[in-house]
């Protein structure tokens, strides 16, 4: 059983929902990511999503786009992402880590280091799952099999526009969890309609056996708790990334821990 599956099983036994914060590696400070990850785990994060910086992130709104630009300007790429995960694993062997990003950095890494290098090095660093936004499930049979062979989960996005056929395909290939994008837009955009989310999740669960997390538009404890009433996991990214960007270096980890602790307390109330 993967670390992600074991985490969700334990939460389900306890009647709790997973809290999944997202941060961009190398932002807001190039050396701070392992420290922030440790603080997130201390604050109550069940899984940590790490954004891999990329110059053209089609699914991300301004906050995460700017975080990626800042990280790229500091020279942060997949080697630094793997180094951050390795450093975190020296402190924490329990909390699952998921890399979220785009195809270009993955394929460029394999082009430089050899076919399969991304999967090999991700597994060696201590990564547990991968979400590649622009890898459609129709083209992921081989990638999913190679990840599974390395002990990694492949996580897919579903959206309000997803068809039943797409949900069935995702349900066949996905492991770990499925990430439901609650809005027709980019990260951090719009107003979250929790009633629409509640109406959509039974459709997804008819085709998907893995836990379903919900993200995009969750900015505070109240919306997180509302989503947790119907979902297996709550994903929060833009608001956290924005908060961290406002902190001085010496305060950034504490700010991450305190913010996530507040969300965790709301979910458990």
Protein backbone atom coordinates (compact mmCIF):
# COMPACT_ATOMS: atom_id res chain seq x y z
CA UNK A 1 0.00 0.00 0.00
CA UNK A 2 1.33 3.44 -0.93
CA UNK A 3 1.94 6.13 1.66
CA UNK A 4 -0.97 8.10 0.16
CA UNK A 5 -3.38 5.15 0.35
CA UNK A 6 -2.31 4.40 3.92
CA UNK A 7 -2.92 8.02 4.90
CA UNK A 8 -6.42 8.07 3.44
CA UNK A 9 -7.25 4.70 5.01
CA UNK A 10 -6.23 5.98 8.45
CA UNK A 11 -8.25 9.17 8.01
CA UNK A 12 -11.30 7.22 6.88
CA UNK A 13 -11.10 5.00 9.95
CA UNK A 14 -11.04 8.13 12.11
CA UNK A 15 -13.89 9.80 10.20
CA UNK A 16 -11.67 12.70 9.12
CA UNK A 17 -10.94 14.41 5.82
CA UNK A 18 -7.47 14.97 4.37
CA UNK A 19 -5.98 18.46 4.33
CA UNK A 20 -3.68 18.96 1.33
CA UNK A 21 -1.78 22.25 1.11
CA UNK A 22 0.01 23.29 -2.07
CA UNK A 23 3.21 25.34 -2.23
CA UNK A 24 5.58 26.17 -5.07
CA UNK A 25 9.09 24.81 -4.61
CA UNK A 26 11.62 27.63 -4.18
CA UNK A 27 9.06 30.27 -3.26
CA UNK A 28 9.08 32.61 -1.46
CA UNK A 29 12.69 31.74 -0.57
CA UNK A 30 14.89 29.31 -2.46
CA UNK A 31 16.14 27.52 0.65
CA UNK A 32 12.91 27.49 2.66
CA UNK A 33 10.85 24.73 1.03
CA UNK A 34 11.89 21.78 3.27
CA UNK A 35 11.33 23.94 6.36
CA UNK A 36 7.90 25.04 5.12
CA UNK A 37 6.98 21.44 4.33
CA UNK A 38 7.91 20.36 7.85
CA UNK A 39 5.85 23.22 9.29
CA UNK A 40 2.84 22.25 7.16
CA UNK A 41 3.06 18.68 8.47
CA UNK A 42 3.33 19.96 12.03
CA UNK A 43 0.26 22.12 11.45
CA UNK A 44 -1.84 19.15 10.37
CA UNK A 45 -1.27 18.62 6.64
CA UNK A 46 -2.02 15.04 5.62
CA UNK A 47 -0.50 15.25 2.12
CA UNK A 48 1.71 18.01 0.69
CA UNK A 49 1.49 19.05 -2.95
CA UNK A 50 4.64 20.63 -4.38
CA UNK A 51 4.33 22.79 -7.45
CA UNK A 52 7.15 22.30 -9.96
CA UNK A 53 8.01 25.76 -11.35
CA UNK A 54 7.17 26.15 -15.03
CA UNK A 55 7.13 29.18 -17.32
CA UNK A 56 3.68 28.55 -18.89
CA UNK A 57 1.34 27.11 -16.26
CA UNK A 58 -2.00 26.98 -18.07
CA UNK A 59 -4.12 25.96 -15.07
CA UNK A 60 -2.71 28.44 -12.57
CA UNK A 61 -3.93 31.91 -11.72
CA UNK A 62 -1.79 35.00 -11.05
CA UNK A 63 -0.71 34.08 -7.52
CA UNK A 64 0.80 30.72 -8.44
CA UNK A 65 2.07 31.99 -11.80
CA UNK A 66 4.04 34.68 -9.97
CA UNK A 67 5.34 32.15 -7.45
CA UNK A 68 6.60 30.00 -10.30
CA UNK A 69 8.26 32.99 -11.97
CA UNK A 70 10.03 33.91 -8.73
CA UNK A 71 11.24 30.34 -8.29
CA UNK A 72 12.46 30.08 -11.89
CA UNK A 73 14.35 33.34 -11.47
CA UNK A 74 16.19 31.68 -8.58
CA UNK A 75 17.15 28.74 -10.77
CA UNK A 76 14.69 26.26 -9.27
CA UNK A 77 13.89 23.25 -11.45
CA UNK A 78 13.35 19.54 -10.98
CA UNK A 79 16.82 18.89 -9.48
CA UNK A 80 16.03 21.43 -6.76
CA UNK A 81 12.54 19.95 -6.32
CA UNK A 82 14.02 16.52 -5.69
CA UNK A 83 16.59 18.00 -3.32
CA UNK A 84 13.82 19.67 -1.31
CA UNK A 85 11.93 16.38 -1.00
CA UNK A 86 15.09 14.57 0.10
CA UNK A 87 15.73 17.21 2.75
CA UNK A 88 12.14 16.93 3.98
CA UNK A 89 12.42 13.15 4.16
CA UNK A 90 15.34 13.52 6.58
CA UNK A 91 12.80 15.03 8.99
CA UNK A 92 9.57 13.32 8.00
CA UNK A 93 9.04 9.82 6.63
CA UNK A 94 5.28 9.79 7.19
CA UNK A 95 3.62 12.62 5.23
CA UNK A 96 3.01 11.85 1.54
CA UNK A 97 4.40 14.26 -1.06
CA UNK A 98 2.84 14.82 -4.49
CA UNK A 99 4.53 16.69 -7.33
CA UNK A 100 2.11 18.83 -9.33
CA UNK A 101 3.24 20.32 -12.59
CA UNK A 102 3.36 20.15 -16.37
CA UNK A 103 4.71 17.83 -19.04
CA UNK A 104 7.49 20.08 -20.32
CA UNK A 105 9.79 19.91 -17.24
CA UNK A 106 9.25 16.15 -16.95
CA UNK A 107 10.08 15.45 -20.58
CA UNK A 108 13.00 17.85 -20.55
CA UNK A 109 14.39 16.09 -17.46
CA UNK A 110 14.14 12.71 -19.17
CA UNK A 111 15.74 14.20 -22.26
CA UNK A 112 18.73 15.33 -20.21
CA UNK A 113 19.06 12.38 -17.83
CA UNK A 114 17.70 9.43 -19.78
CA UNK A 115 14.33 7.80 -20.37
CA UNK A 116 12.58 7.14 -17.06
CA UNK A 117 14.89 9.42 -15.08
CA UNK A 118 12.05 11.54 -13.73
CA UNK A 119 10.22 8.55 -12.24
CA UNK A 120 13.45 6.99 -10.97
CA UNK A 121 14.67 10.16 -9.26
CA UNK A 122 11.26 11.11 -7.90
CA UNK A 123 10.92 7.72 -6.22
CA UNK A 124 14.48 7.88 -4.89
CA UNK A 125 13.86 11.32 -3.40
CA UNK A 126 10.77 10.16 -1.51
CA UNK A 127 7.96 11.40 -3.74
CA UNK A 128 4.70 9.47 -3.41
CA UNK A 129 2.55 10.73 -6.27
CA UNK A 130 2.56 12.78 -9.45
CA UNK A 131 -0.07 15.03 -11.02
CA UNK A 132 0.83 16.23 -14.50
CA UNK A 133 -1.82 18.75 -15.55
CA UNK A 134 -1.38 18.35 -19.30
CA UNK A 135 -1.01 14.56 -19.44
CA UNK A 136 -4.52 13.43 -20.44
CA UNK A 137 -5.57 9.99 -19.22
CA UNK A 138 -6.05 8.84 -22.82
CA UNK A 139 -2.27 9.05 -23.27
CA UNK A 140 -1.15 7.86 -19.83
CA UNK A 141 -1.39 4.08 -19.89
CA UNK A 142 2.37 3.54 -20.09
CA UNK A 143 3.21 6.41 -17.74
CA UNK A 144 0.75 5.08 -15.15
CA UNK A 145 2.24 1.58 -15.37
CA UNK A 146 5.79 2.89 -14.96
CA UNK A 147 4.82 5.01 -11.97
CA UNK A 148 3.05 2.06 -10.36
CA UNK A 149 6.11 -0.12 -10.88
CA UNK A 150 8.15 2.49 -9.01
CA UNK A 151 5.62 2.68 -6.18
CA UNK A 152 4.20 6.07 -7.17
CA UNK A 153 0.57 7.08 -7.53
CA UNK A 154 -0.77 8.91 -10.59
CA UNK A 155 -3.31 11.59 -9.74
CA UNK A 156 -5.65 13.17 -12.26
CA UNK A 157 -7.75 16.29 -12.43
CA UNK A 158 -11.49 16.21 -13.05
CA UNK A 159 -13.55 19.33 -13.72
CA UNK A 160 -17.19 20.44 -13.85
CA UNK A 161 -17.06 19.81 -17.60
CA UNK A 162 -15.72 16.24 -17.33
CA UNK A 163 -17.84 13.63 -19.10
CA UNK A 164 -18.80 10.26 -17.68
CA UNK A 165 -16.46 8.65 -20.21
CA UNK A 166 -13.54 10.74 -18.94
CA UNK A 167 -14.44 9.89 -15.34
CA UNK A 168 -14.47 6.17 -16.15
CA UNK A 169 -11.04 6.40 -17.75
CA UNK A 170 -9.62 8.37 -14.83
CA UNK A 171 -11.16 5.86 -12.45
CA UNK A 172 -9.35 3.04 -14.23
CA UNK A 173 -5.93 4.70 -14.21
CA UNK A 174 -5.84 6.91 -11.12
CA UNK A 175 -4.44 5.92 -7.76
CA UNK A 176 -3.89 7.78 -4.52
CA UNK A 177 -6.70 10.28 -5.01
CA UNK A 178 -8.46 12.28 -7.71
CA UNK A 179 -8.38 16.08 -7.66
CA UNK A 180 -11.71 17.69 -8.54
CA UNK A 181 -11.27 21.24 -9.86
CA UNK A 182 -14.31 22.96 -8.39
CA UNK A 183 -14.31 25.98 -10.73
CA UNK A 184 -14.34 26.60 -14.47
CA UNK A 185 -11.17 28.67 -14.33
CA UNK A 186 -7.65 28.87 -12.97
CA UNK A 187 -6.35 28.46 -9.43
CA UNK A 188 -7.52 31.11 -7.01
CA UNK A 189 -10.32 32.28 -9.30
CA UNK A 190 -14.00 32.80 -8.68
CA UNK A 191 -16.41 32.01 -5.89
CA UNK A 192 -16.68 28.43 -4.71
CA UNK A 193 -20.19 27.00 -5.09
CA UNK A 194 -20.27 24.27 -2.48
CA UNK A 195 -23.75 23.13 -3.55
CA UNK A 196 -22.43 22.50 -7.07
CA UNK A 197 -19.51 20.55 -5.64
CA UNK A 198 -21.86 18.43 -3.54
CA UNK A 199 -23.97 17.69 -6.61
CA UNK A 200 -20.97 16.67 -8.70
CA UNK A 201 -19.23 14.31 -6.30
CA UNK A 202 -21.76 11.45 -6.53
CA UNK A 203 -21.26 11.45 -10.32
CA UNK A 204 -17.52 11.19 -9.84
CA UNK A 205 -17.78 8.47 -7.20
CA UNK A 206 -19.91 6.38 -9.53
CA UNK A 207 -16.78 5.92 -11.66
CA UNK A 208 -13.85 6.57 -9.31
CA UNK A 209 -12.97 4.33 -6.37
CA UNK A 210 -10.08 6.42 -5.04
CA UNK A 211 -10.69 9.31 -2.60
CA UNK A 212 -11.80 12.60 -4.14
CA UNK A 213 -10.14 15.85 -3.13
CA UNK A 214 -11.53 19.27 -4.02
CA UNK A 215 -9.46 22.36 -4.76
CA UNK A 216 -9.48 25.73 -6.57
CA UNK A 217 -11.32 28.52 -4.73
CA UNK A 218 -10.79 27.31 -1.14
CA UNK A 219 -9.33 30.27 0.73
CA UNK A 220 -10.33 30.02 4.38
CA UNK A 221 -11.51 27.76 7.17
CA UNK A 222 -15.20 28.26 6.42
CA UNK A 223 -15.02 27.16 2.78
CA UNK A 224 -12.65 24.33 3.69
CA UNK A 225 -15.10 23.01 6.25
CA UNK A 226 -18.02 23.28 3.83
CA UNK A 227 -16.11 21.28 1.21
CA UNK A 228 -15.04 18.71 3.79
CA UNK A 229 -18.70 17.92 4.41
CA UNK A 230 -18.86 16.25 0.97
CA UNK A 231 -15.26 15.54 -0.13
CA UNK A 232 -12.54 13.18 1.09
CA UNK A 233 -9.88 15.90 0.96
CA UNK A 234 -9.55 19.66 0.82
CA UNK A 235 -6.77 21.18 -1.30
CA UNK A 236 -5.70 24.75 -0.57
CA UNK A 237 -3.04 26.51 -2.62
CA UNK A 238 -3.34 30.11 -3.81
CA UNK A 239 -4.23 31.61 -0.44
CA UNK A 240 -1.32 29.81 1.23
CA UNK A 241 1.13 30.78 -1.51
CA UNK A 242 -0.05 34.39 -1.24
CA UNK A 243 0.34 34.37 2.55
CA UNK A 244 3.87 32.98 2.40
CA UNK A 245 4.92 35.58 -0.17
CA UNK A 246 4.07 38.28 2.38
CA UNK A 247 6.36 36.88 5.11
CA UNK A 248 9.97 37.68 5.98
CA UNK A 249 12.31 34.70 5.79
CA UNK A 250 12.41 34.15 9.54
CA UNK A 251 8.61 34.01 9.84
CA UNK A 252 7.65 31.98 6.78
CA UNK A 253 7.58 28.51 8.37
CA UNK A 254 5.60 29.64 11.41
CA UNK A 255 3.09 31.40 9.15
CA UNK A 256 2.61 28.19 7.15
CA UNK A 257 2.16 26.10 10.29
CA UNK A 258 -0.31 28.51 11.90
CA UNK A 259 -2.42 28.89 8.76
CA UNK A 260 -2.74 25.14 8.21
CA UNK A 261 -3.39 24.53 11.91
CA UNK A 262 -6.36 26.89 11.67
CA UNK A 263 -7.76 25.04 8.66
CA UNK A 264 -7.15 21.68 10.36
CA UNK A 265 -8.99 22.81 13.47
CA UNK A 266 -11.98 23.89 11.37
CA UNK A 267 -12.07 20.51 9.58
CA UNK A 268 -11.93 18.62 12.86
CA UNK A 269 -14.43 20.80 14.73
